[in-house]
Amino acid sequence: MTIQNAINFIRQGQQDDDLRRKLVKAETHQARQEILDKNDLIFTPEEFEEGYSLTLFKCQHQEDADALMAFRMWWIMLYRSPDPGVTSP
């Protein structure tokens, strides 16, 4: 697990419609993790945030920063979505 993997995920995730589609269609956290593992994109939530911050810092245009922020929100919502059949306390 590395920050570089998180940065790679951010870059690939912003460009690769197929990867995003697979992650959205995955029904469980485990299924999403398997997709990431297959693509050598293993990272922790903390590493994602660090990679996001580093990537945001390098943005030269507002449009790039906006797209990056939108991607982060998409990932957070997907990552935090509960598995089917799991109810919140």
PDB file of N, CA and C in Angstrom:
ATOM      1  N   MET A   1       0.845  -1.176   0.000  1.00  0.00           N
ATOM      2  CA  MET A   1       0.000   0.000   0.000  1.00  0.00           C
ATOM      3  C   MET A   1       0.887   1.234   0.000  1.00  0.00           C
ATOM      4  N   THR A   2       0.601   2.108  -0.933  1.00  0.00           N
ATOM      5  CA  THR A   2       1.427   3.307  -1.010  1.00  0.00           C
ATOM      6  C   THR A   2       0.608   4.508  -1.449  1.00  0.00           C
ATOM      7  N   ILE A   3       1.164   5.655  -1.175  1.00  0.00           N
ATOM      8  CA  ILE A   3       0.565   6.899  -1.654  1.00  0.00           C
ATOM      9  C   ILE A   3       0.611   6.922  -3.176  1.00  0.00           C
ATOM     10  N   GLN A   4       1.684   6.385  -3.758  1.00  0.00           N
ATOM     11  CA  GLN A   4       1.777   6.362  -5.223  1.00  0.00           C
ATOM     12  C   GLN A   4       0.642   5.540  -5.830  1.00  0.00           C
ATOM     13  N   ASN A   5       0.259   4.437  -5.182  1.00  0.00           N
ATOM     14  CA  ASN A   5      -0.888   3.661  -5.672  1.00  0.00           C
ATOM     15  C   ASN A   5      -2.151   4.508  -5.648  1.00  0.00           C
ATOM     16  N   ALA A   6      -2.322   5.299  -4.619  1.00  0.00           N
ATOM     17  CA  ALA A   6      -3.489   6.174  -4.525  1.00  0.00           C
ATOM     18  C   ALA A   6      -3.452   7.222  -5.633  1.00  0.00           C
ATOM     19  N   ILE A   7      -2.295   7.789  -5.885  1.00  0.00           N
ATOM     20  CA  ILE A   7      -2.163   8.770  -6.965  1.00  0.00           C
ATOM     21  C   ILE A   7      -2.463   8.111  -8.312  1.00  0.00           C
ATOM     22  N   ASN A   8      -1.951   6.906  -8.499  1.00  0.00           N
ATOM     23  CA  ASN A   8      -2.233   6.172  -9.740  1.00  0.00           C
ATOM     24  C   ASN A   8      -3.732   5.925  -9.889  1.00  0.00           C
ATOM     25  N   PHE A   9      -4.387   5.573  -8.799  1.00  0.00           N
ATOM     26  CA  PHE A   9      -5.833   5.362  -8.829  1.00  0.00           C
ATOM     27  C   PHE A   9      -6.561   6.649  -9.212  1.00  0.00           C
ATOM     28  N   ILE A  10      -6.160   7.744  -8.630  1.00  0.00           N
ATOM     29  CA  ILE A  10      -6.801   9.027  -8.933  1.00  0.00           C
ATOM     30  C   ILE A  10      -6.649   9.347 -10.412  1.00  0.00           C
ATOM     31  N   ARG A  11      -5.452   9.200 -10.930  1.00  0.00           N
ATOM     32  CA  ARG A  11      -5.212   9.483 -12.354  1.00  0.00           C
ATOM     33  C   ARG A  11      -6.022   8.542 -13.238  1.00  0.00           C
ATOM     34  N   GLN A  12      -5.906   7.255 -12.950  1.00  0.00           N
ATOM     35  CA  GLN A  12      -6.601   6.264 -13.771  1.00  0.00           C
ATOM     36  C   GLN A  12      -8.110   6.405 -13.622  1.00  0.00           C
ATOM     37  N   GLY A  13      -8.562   6.612 -12.404  1.00  0.00           N
ATOM     38  CA  GLY A  13      -9.993   6.734 -12.155  1.00  0.00           C
ATOM     39  C   GLY A  13     -10.630   7.918 -12.838  1.00  0.00           C
ATOM     40  N   GLN A  14      -9.877   8.984 -13.001  1.00  0.00           N
ATOM     41  CA  GLN A  14     -10.414  10.155 -13.685  1.00  0.00           C
ATOM     42  C   GLN A  14     -10.509   9.940 -15.197  1.00  0.00           C
ATOM     43  N   GLN A  15      -9.699   9.056 -15.735  1.00  0.00           N
ATOM     44  CA  GLN A  15      -9.650   8.842 -17.183  1.00  0.00           C
ATOM     45  C   GLN A  15     -10.362   7.583 -17.657  1.00  0.00           C
ATOM     46  N   ASP A  16     -10.440   6.573 -16.814  1.00  0.00           N
ATOM     47  CA  ASP A  16     -10.879   5.243 -17.231  1.00  0.00           C
ATOM     48  C   ASP A  16     -12.353   5.006 -16.871  1.00  0.00           C
ATOM     49  N   ASP A  17     -13.227   5.219 -17.850  1.00  0.00           N
ATOM     50  CA  ASP A  17     -14.664   5.010 -17.626  1.00  0.00           C
ATOM     51  C   ASP A  17     -14.965   3.569 -17.230  1.00  0.00           C
ATOM     52  N   ASP A  18     -14.241   2.622 -17.821  1.00  0.00           N
ATOM     53  CA  ASP A  18     -14.481   1.208 -17.537  1.00  0.00           C
ATOM     54  C   ASP A  18     -14.172   0.879 -16.082  1.00  0.00           C
ATOM     55  N   LEU A  19     -13.079   1.404 -15.562  1.00  0.00           N
ATOM     56  CA  LEU A  19     -12.728   1.173 -14.165  1.00  0.00           C
ATOM     57  C   LEU A  19     -13.803   1.743 -13.249  1.00  0.00           C
ATOM     58  N   ARG A  20     -14.225   2.962 -13.508  1.00  0.00           N
ATOM     59  CA  ARG A  20     -15.277   3.569 -12.672  1.00  0.00           C
ATOM     60  C   ARG A  20     -16.569   2.767 -12.748  1.00  0.00           C
ATOM     61  N   ARG A  21     -16.922   2.334 -13.938  1.00  0.00           N
ATOM     62  CA  ARG A  21     -18.145   1.548 -14.112  1.00  0.00           C
ATOM     63  C   ARG A  21     -18.074   0.237 -13.307  1.00  0.00           C
ATOM     64  N   LYS A  22     -16.935  -0.439 -13.370  1.00  0.00           N
ATOM     65  CA  LYS A  22     -16.757  -1.683 -12.608  1.00  0.00           C
ATOM     66  C   LYS A  22     -16.868  -1.428 -11.107  1.00  0.00           C
ATOM     67  N   LEU A  23     -16.260  -0.354 -10.643  1.00  0.00           N
ATOM     68  CA  LEU A  23     -16.313  -0.045  -9.212  1.00  0.00           C
ATOM     69  C   LEU A  23     -17.745   0.268  -8.773  1.00  0.00           C
ATOM     70  N   VAL A  24     -18.493   0.981  -9.593  1.00  0.00           N
ATOM     71  CA  VAL A  24     -19.878   1.309  -9.252  1.00  0.00           C
ATOM     72  C   VAL A  24     -20.746   0.050  -9.251  1.00  0.00           C
ATOM     73  N   LYS A  25     -20.509  -0.834 -10.204  1.00  0.00           N
ATOM     74  CA  LYS A  25     -21.322  -2.048 -10.309  1.00  0.00           C
ATOM     75  C   LYS A  25     -20.992  -3.079  -9.226  1.00  0.00           C
ATOM     76  N   ALA A  26     -19.808  -2.995  -8.651  1.00  0.00           N
ATOM     77  CA  ALA A  26     -19.423  -3.931  -7.590  1.00  0.00           C
ATOM     78  C   ALA A  26     -20.390  -3.766  -6.420  1.00  0.00           C
ATOM     79  N   GLU A  27     -20.925  -4.868  -5.955  1.00  0.00           N
ATOM     80  CA  GLU A  27     -21.980  -4.796  -4.944  1.00  0.00           C
ATOM     81  C   GLU A  27     -21.477  -4.718  -3.512  1.00  0.00           C
ATOM     82  N   THR A  28     -20.233  -5.053  -3.297  1.00  0.00           N
ATOM     83  CA  THR A  28     -19.707  -5.054  -1.930  1.00  0.00           C
ATOM     84  C   THR A  28     -18.345  -4.361  -1.877  1.00  0.00           C
ATOM     85  N   HIS A  29     -17.953  -4.010  -0.669  1.00  0.00           N
ATOM     86  CA  HIS A  29     -16.623  -3.431  -0.472  1.00  0.00           C
ATOM     87  C   HIS A  29     -15.557  -4.426  -0.931  1.00  0.00           C
ATOM     88  N   GLN A  30     -15.773  -5.701  -0.621  1.00  0.00           N
ATOM     89  CA  GLN A  30     -14.812  -6.739  -1.011  1.00  0.00           C
ATOM     90  C   GLN A  30     -14.662  -6.805  -2.527  1.00  0.00           C
ATOM     91  N   ALA A  31     -15.763  -6.718  -3.255  1.00  0.00           N
ATOM     92  CA  ALA A  31     -15.714  -6.764  -4.718  1.00  0.00           C
ATOM     93  C   ALA A  31     -14.962  -5.548  -5.269  1.00  0.00           C
ATOM     94  N   ARG A  32     -15.199  -4.371  -4.688  1.00  0.00           N
ATOM     95  CA  ARG A  32     -14.471  -3.178  -5.119  1.00  0.00           C
ATOM     96  C   ARG A  32     -12.981  -3.335  -4.839  1.00  0.00           C
ATOM     97  N   GLN A  33     -12.657  -3.880  -3.665  1.00  0.00           N
ATOM     98  CA  GLN A  33     -11.246  -4.063  -3.312  1.00  0.00           C
ATOM     99  C   GLN A  33     -10.576  -5.040  -4.275  1.00  0.00           C
ATOM    100  N   GLU A  34     -11.278  -6.072  -4.686  1.00  0.00           N
ATOM    101  CA  GLU A  34     -10.716  -7.038  -5.632  1.00  0.00           C
ATOM    102  C   GLU A  34     -10.414  -6.379  -6.982  1.00  0.00           C
ATOM    103  N   ILE A  35     -11.276  -5.476  -7.413  1.00  0.00           N
ATOM    104  CA  ILE A  35     -11.037  -4.736  -8.658  1.00  0.00           C
ATOM    105  C   ILE A  35      -9.778  -3.893  -8.526  1.00  0.00           C
ATOM    106  N   LEU A  36      -9.650  -3.192  -7.407  1.00  0.00           N
ATOM    107  CA  LEU A  36      -8.460  -2.375  -7.179  1.00  0.00           C
ATOM    108  C   LEU A  36      -7.211  -3.247  -7.098  1.00  0.00           C
ATOM    109  N   ASP A  37      -7.316  -4.379  -6.385  1.00  0.00           N
ATOM    110  CA  ASP A  37      -6.173  -5.286  -6.251  1.00  0.00           C
ATOM    111  C   ASP A  37      -5.706  -5.781  -7.617  1.00  0.00           C
ATOM    112  N   LYS A  38      -6.661  -6.138  -8.486  1.00  0.00           N
ATOM    113  CA  LYS A  38      -6.334  -6.634  -9.826  1.00  0.00           C
ATOM    114  C   LYS A  38      -5.565  -5.602 -10.636  1.00  0.00           C
ATOM    115  N   ASN A  39      -5.817  -4.350 -10.356  1.00  0.00           N
ATOM    116  CA  ASN A  39      -5.171  -3.255 -11.081  1.00  0.00           C
ATOM    117  C   ASN A  39      -3.967  -2.687 -10.333  1.00  0.00           C
ATOM    118  N   ASP A  40      -3.499  -3.419  -9.325  1.00  0.00           N
ATOM    119  CA  ASP A  40      -2.361  -2.977  -8.507  1.00  0.00           C
ATOM    120  C   ASP A  40      -2.586  -1.588  -7.923  1.00  0.00           C
ATOM    121  N   LEU A  41      -3.805  -1.344  -7.456  1.00  0.00           N
ATOM    122  CA  LEU A  41      -4.181  -0.064  -6.865  1.00  0.00           C
ATOM    123  C   LEU A  41      -4.571  -0.275  -5.407  1.00  0.00           C
ATOM    124  N   ILE A  42      -3.600  -0.700  -4.616  1.00  0.00           N
ATOM    125  CA  ILE A  42      -3.831  -1.016  -3.215  1.00  0.00           C
ATOM    126  C   ILE A  42      -3.387   0.179  -2.373  1.00  0.00           C
ATOM    127  N   PHE A  43      -4.332   0.745  -1.615  1.00  0.00           N
ATOM    128  CA  PHE A  43      -4.036   1.911  -0.789  1.00  0.00           C
ATOM    129  C   PHE A  43      -5.056   1.982   0.340  1.00  0.00           C
ATOM    130  N   THR A  44      -4.691   2.693   1.383  1.00  0.00           N
ATOM    131  CA  THR A  44      -5.587   2.905   2.516  1.00  0.00           C
ATOM    132  C   THR A  44      -6.345   4.218   2.309  1.00  0.00           C
ATOM    133  N   PRO A  45      -7.404   4.441   3.081  1.00  0.00           N
ATOM    134  CA  PRO A  45      -8.089   5.732   2.996  1.00  0.00           C
ATOM    135  C   PRO A  45      -7.145   6.907   3.297  1.00  0.00           C
ATOM    136  N   GLU A  46      -6.239   6.715   4.224  1.00  0.00           N
ATOM    137  CA  GLU A  46      -5.292   7.775   4.562  1.00  0.00           C
ATOM    138  C   GLU A  46      -4.353   8.059   3.392  1.00  0.00           C
ATOM    139  N   GLU A  47      -3.901   6.995   2.738  1.00  0.00           N
ATOM    140  CA  GLU A  47      -3.035   7.167   1.571  1.00  0.00           C
ATOM    141  C   GLU A  47      -3.789   7.843   0.428  1.00  0.00           C
ATOM    142  N   PHE A  48      -5.076   7.522   0.282  1.00  0.00           N
ATOM    143  CA  PHE A  48      -5.885   8.200  -0.735  1.00  0.00           C
ATOM    144  C   PHE A  48      -5.908   9.700  -0.465  1.00  0.00           C
ATOM    145  N   GLU A  49      -6.173  10.078   0.775  1.00  0.00           N
ATOM    146  CA  GLU A  49      -6.247  11.497   1.116  1.00  0.00           C
ATOM    147  C   GLU A  49      -4.913  12.207   0.885  1.00  0.00           C
ATOM    148  N   GLU A  50      -3.816  11.542   1.229  1.00  0.00           N
ATOM    149  CA  GLU A  50      -2.493  12.122   0.997  1.00  0.00           C
ATOM    150  C   GLU A  50      -2.233  12.260  -0.498  1.00  0.00           C
ATOM    151  N   GLY A  51      -2.563  11.229  -1.261  1.00  0.00           N
ATOM    152  CA  GLY A  51      -2.399  11.288  -2.712  1.00  0.00           C
ATOM    153  C   GLY A  51      -3.272  12.365  -3.332  1.00  0.00           C
ATOM    154  N   TYR A  52      -4.484  12.489  -2.827  1.00  0.00           N
ATOM    155  CA  TYR A  52      -5.400  13.528  -3.296  1.00  0.00           C
ATOM    156  C   TYR A  52      -4.797  14.916  -3.032  1.00  0.00           C
ATOM    157  N   SER A  53      -4.313  15.137  -1.826  1.00  0.00           N
ATOM    158  CA  SER A  53      -3.728  16.438  -1.472  1.00  0.00           C
ATOM    159  C   SER A  53      -2.533  16.771  -2.360  1.00  0.00           C
ATOM    160  N   LEU A  54      -1.668  15.793  -2.584  1.00  0.00           N
ATOM    161  CA  LEU A  54      -0.497  16.015  -3.436  1.00  0.00           C
ATOM    162  C   LEU A  54      -0.914  16.325  -4.872  1.00  0.00           C
ATOM    163  N   THR A  55      -1.911  15.599  -5.364  1.00  0.00           N
ATOM    164  CA  THR A  55      -2.388  15.812  -6.725  1.00  0.00           C
ATOM    165  C   THR A  55      -3.058  17.180  -6.852  1.00  0.00           C
ATOM    166  N   LEU A  56      -3.850  17.544  -5.857  1.00  0.00           N
ATOM    167  CA  LEU A  56      -4.522  18.845  -5.877  1.00  0.00           C
ATOM    168  C   LEU A  56      -3.501  19.979  -5.870  1.00  0.00           C
ATOM    169  N   PHE A  57      -2.456  19.808  -5.082  1.00  0.00           N
ATOM    170  CA  PHE A  57      -1.399  20.827  -4.997  1.00  0.00           C
ATOM    171  C   PHE A  57      -0.754  21.080  -6.359  1.00  0.00           C
ATOM    172  N   LYS A  58      -0.685  20.034  -7.190  1.00  0.00           N
ATOM    173  CA  LYS A  58      -0.030  20.145  -8.487  1.00  0.00           C
ATOM    174  C   LYS A  58      -0.946  20.683  -9.583  1.00  0.00           C
ATOM    175  N   CYS A  59      -2.230  20.841  -9.305  1.00  0.00           N
ATOM    176  CA  CYS A  59      -3.159  21.340 -10.323  1.00  0.00           C
ATOM    177  C   CYS A  59      -2.799  22.765 -10.710  1.00  0.00           C
ATOM    178  N   GLN A  60      -2.727  22.992 -12.001  1.00  0.00           N
ATOM    179  CA  GLN A  60      -2.382  24.320 -12.496  1.00  0.00           C
ATOM    180  C   GLN A  60      -3.606  25.110 -12.938  1.00  0.00           C
ATOM    181  N   HIS A  61      -4.717  24.425 -13.159  1.00  0.00           N
ATOM    182  CA  HIS A  61      -5.925  25.082 -13.647  1.00  0.00           C
ATOM    183  C   HIS A  61      -7.100  24.764 -12.729  1.00  0.00           C
ATOM    184  N   GLN A  62      -7.964  25.725 -12.557  1.00  0.00           N
ATOM    185  CA  GLN A  62      -9.137  25.543 -11.705  1.00  0.00           C
ATOM    186  C   GLN A  62      -9.994  24.376 -12.174  1.00  0.00           C
ATOM    187  N   GLU A  63     -10.122  24.205 -13.483  1.00  0.00           N
ATOM    188  CA  GLU A  63     -10.936  23.107 -14.019  1.00  0.00           C
ATOM    189  C   GLU A  63     -10.381  21.750 -13.591  1.00  0.00           C
ATOM    190  N   ASP A  64      -9.061  21.626 -13.578  1.00  0.00           N
ATOM    191  CA  ASP A  64      -8.434  20.377 -13.139  1.00  0.00           C
ATOM    192  C   ASP A  64      -8.697  20.135 -11.658  1.00  0.00           C
ATOM    193  N   ALA A  65      -8.598  21.184 -10.874  1.00  0.00           N
ATOM    194  CA  ALA A  65      -8.860  21.064  -9.433  1.00  0.00           C
ATOM    195  C   ALA A  65     -10.317  20.703  -9.183  1.00  0.00           C
ATOM    196  N   ASP A  66     -11.231  21.315  -9.931  1.00  0.00           N
ATOM    197  CA  ASP A  66     -12.654  21.000  -9.776  1.00  0.00           C
ATOM    198  C   ASP A  66     -12.937  19.542 -10.119  1.00  0.00           C
ATOM    199  N   ALA A  67     -12.335  19.069 -11.207  1.00  0.00           N
ATOM    200  CA  ALA A  67     -12.528  17.669 -11.609  1.00  0.00           C
ATOM    201  C   ALA A  67     -11.968  16.721 -10.549  1.00  0.00           C
ATOM    202  N   LEU A  68     -10.832  17.076  -9.987  1.00  0.00           N
ATOM    203  CA  LEU A  68     -10.216  16.256  -8.944  1.00  0.00           C
ATOM    204  C   LEU A  68     -11.100  16.225  -7.692  1.00  0.00           C
ATOM    205  N   MET A  69     -11.631  17.378  -7.315  1.00  0.00           N
ATOM    206  CA  MET A  69     -12.506  17.426  -6.138  1.00  0.00           C
ATOM    207  C   MET A  69     -13.775  16.606  -6.366  1.00  0.00           C
ATOM    208  N   ALA A  70     -14.318  16.660  -7.571  1.00  0.00           N
ATOM    209  CA  ALA A  70     -15.510  15.876  -7.902  1.00  0.00           C
ATOM    210  C   ALA A  70     -15.195  14.381  -7.844  1.00  0.00           C
ATOM    211  N   PHE A  71     -14.019  13.992  -8.344  1.00  0.00           N
ATOM    212  CA  PHE A  71     -13.623  12.581  -8.285  1.00  0.00           C
ATOM    213  C   PHE A  71     -13.493  12.119  -6.838  1.00  0.00           C
ATOM    214  N   ARG A  72     -12.887  12.950  -6.011  1.00  0.00           N
ATOM    215  CA  ARG A  72     -12.739  12.599  -4.588  1.00  0.00           C
ATOM    216  C   ARG A  72     -14.105  12.381  -3.943  1.00  0.00           C
ATOM    217  N   MET A  73     -15.050  13.268  -4.206  1.00  0.00           N
ATOM    218  CA  MET A  73     -16.386  13.111  -3.627  1.00  0.00           C
ATOM    219  C   MET A  73     -17.052  11.825  -4.124  1.00  0.00           C
ATOM    220  N   TRP A  74     -16.888  11.525  -5.416  1.00  0.00           N
ATOM    221  CA  TRP A  74     -17.436  10.285  -5.971  1.00  0.00           C
ATOM    222  C   TRP A  74     -16.846   9.086  -5.235  1.00  0.00           C
ATOM    223  N   TRP A  75     -15.530   9.073  -5.065  1.00  0.00           N
ATOM    224  CA  TRP A  75     -14.875   7.940  -4.411  1.00  0.00           C
ATOM    225  C   TRP A  75     -15.312   7.815  -2.950  1.00  0.00           C
ATOM    226  N   ILE A  76     -15.370   8.909  -2.243  1.00  0.00           N
ATOM    227  CA  ILE A  76     -15.771   8.867  -0.837  1.00  0.00           C
ATOM    228  C   ILE A  76     -17.193   8.313  -0.707  1.00  0.00           C
ATOM    229  N   MET A  77     -18.099   8.789  -1.538  1.00  0.00           N
ATOM    230  CA  MET A  77     -19.475   8.302  -1.473  1.00  0.00           C
ATOM    231  C   MET A  77     -19.543   6.815  -1.809  1.00  0.00           C
ATOM    232  N   LEU A  78     -18.784   6.382  -2.806  1.00  0.00           N
ATOM    233  CA  LEU A  78     -18.776   4.976  -3.177  1.00  0.00           C
ATOM    234  C   LEU A  78     -18.132   4.136  -2.079  1.00  0.00           C
ATOM    235  N   TYR A  79     -17.012   4.598  -1.553  1.00  0.00           N
ATOM    236  CA  TYR A  79     -16.281   3.868  -0.522  1.00  0.00           C
ATOM    237  C   TYR A  79     -17.112   3.707   0.749  1.00  0.00           C
ATOM    238  N   ARG A  80     -17.877   4.726   1.079  1.00  0.00           N
ATOM    239  CA  ARG A  80     -18.662   4.699   2.315  1.00  0.00           C
ATOM    240  C   ARG A  80     -20.033   4.061   2.145  1.00  0.00           C
ATOM    241  N   SER A  81     -20.412   3.741   0.913  1.00  0.00           N
ATOM    242  CA  SER A  81     -21.737   3.161   0.715  1.00  0.00           C
ATOM    243  C   SER A  81     -21.780   1.774   1.352  1.00  0.00           C
ATOM    244  N   PRO A  82     -22.884   1.483   2.046  1.00  0.00           N
ATOM    245  CA  PRO A  82     -22.973   0.196   2.732  1.00  0.00           C
ATOM    246  C   PRO A  82     -23.193  -0.943   1.755  1.00  0.00           C
ATOM    247  N   ASP A  83     -22.723  -2.111   2.133  1.00  0.00           N
ATOM    248  CA  ASP A  83     -22.996  -3.311   1.350  1.00  0.00           C
ATOM    249  C   ASP A  83     -24.497  -3.582   1.403  1.00  0.00           C
ATOM    250  N   PRO A  84     -25.068  -4.189   0.344  1.00  0.00           N
ATOM    251  CA  PRO A  84     -26.499  -4.516   0.361  1.00  0.00           C
ATOM    252  C   PRO A  84     -26.825  -5.415   1.562  1.00  0.00           C
ATOM    253  N   GLY A  85     -27.940  -5.147   2.169  1.00  0.00           N
ATOM    254  CA  GLY A  85     -28.367  -5.963   3.301  1.00  0.00           C
ATOM    255  C   GLY A  85     -27.805  -5.534   4.637  1.00  0.00           C
ATOM    256  N   VAL A  86     -26.896  -4.572   4.629  1.00  0.00           N
ATOM    257  CA  VAL A  86     -26.287  -4.085   5.863  1.00  0.00           C
ATOM    258  C   VAL A  86     -27.046  -2.818   6.274  1.00  0.00           C
ATOM    259  N   THR A  87     -27.533  -2.813   7.491  1.00  0.00           N
ATOM    260  CA  THR A  87     -28.250  -1.639   7.970  1.00  0.00           C
ATOM    261  C   THR A  87     -27.390  -0.873   8.962  1.00  0.00           C
ATOM    262  N   SER A  88     -27.578   0.415   8.977  1.00  0.00           N
ATOM    263  CA  SER A  88     -26.836   1.265   9.917  1.00  0.00           C
ATOM    264  C   SER A  88     -27.467   1.174  11.295  1.00  0.00           C
ATOM    265  N   PRO A  89     -26.666   1.334  12.338  1.00  0.00           N
ATOM    266  CA  PRO A  89     -27.225   1.264  13.699  1.00  0.00           C
ATOM    267  C   PRO A  89     -28.102   2.460  14.003  1.00  0.00           C
TER     268      PRO A  89
END
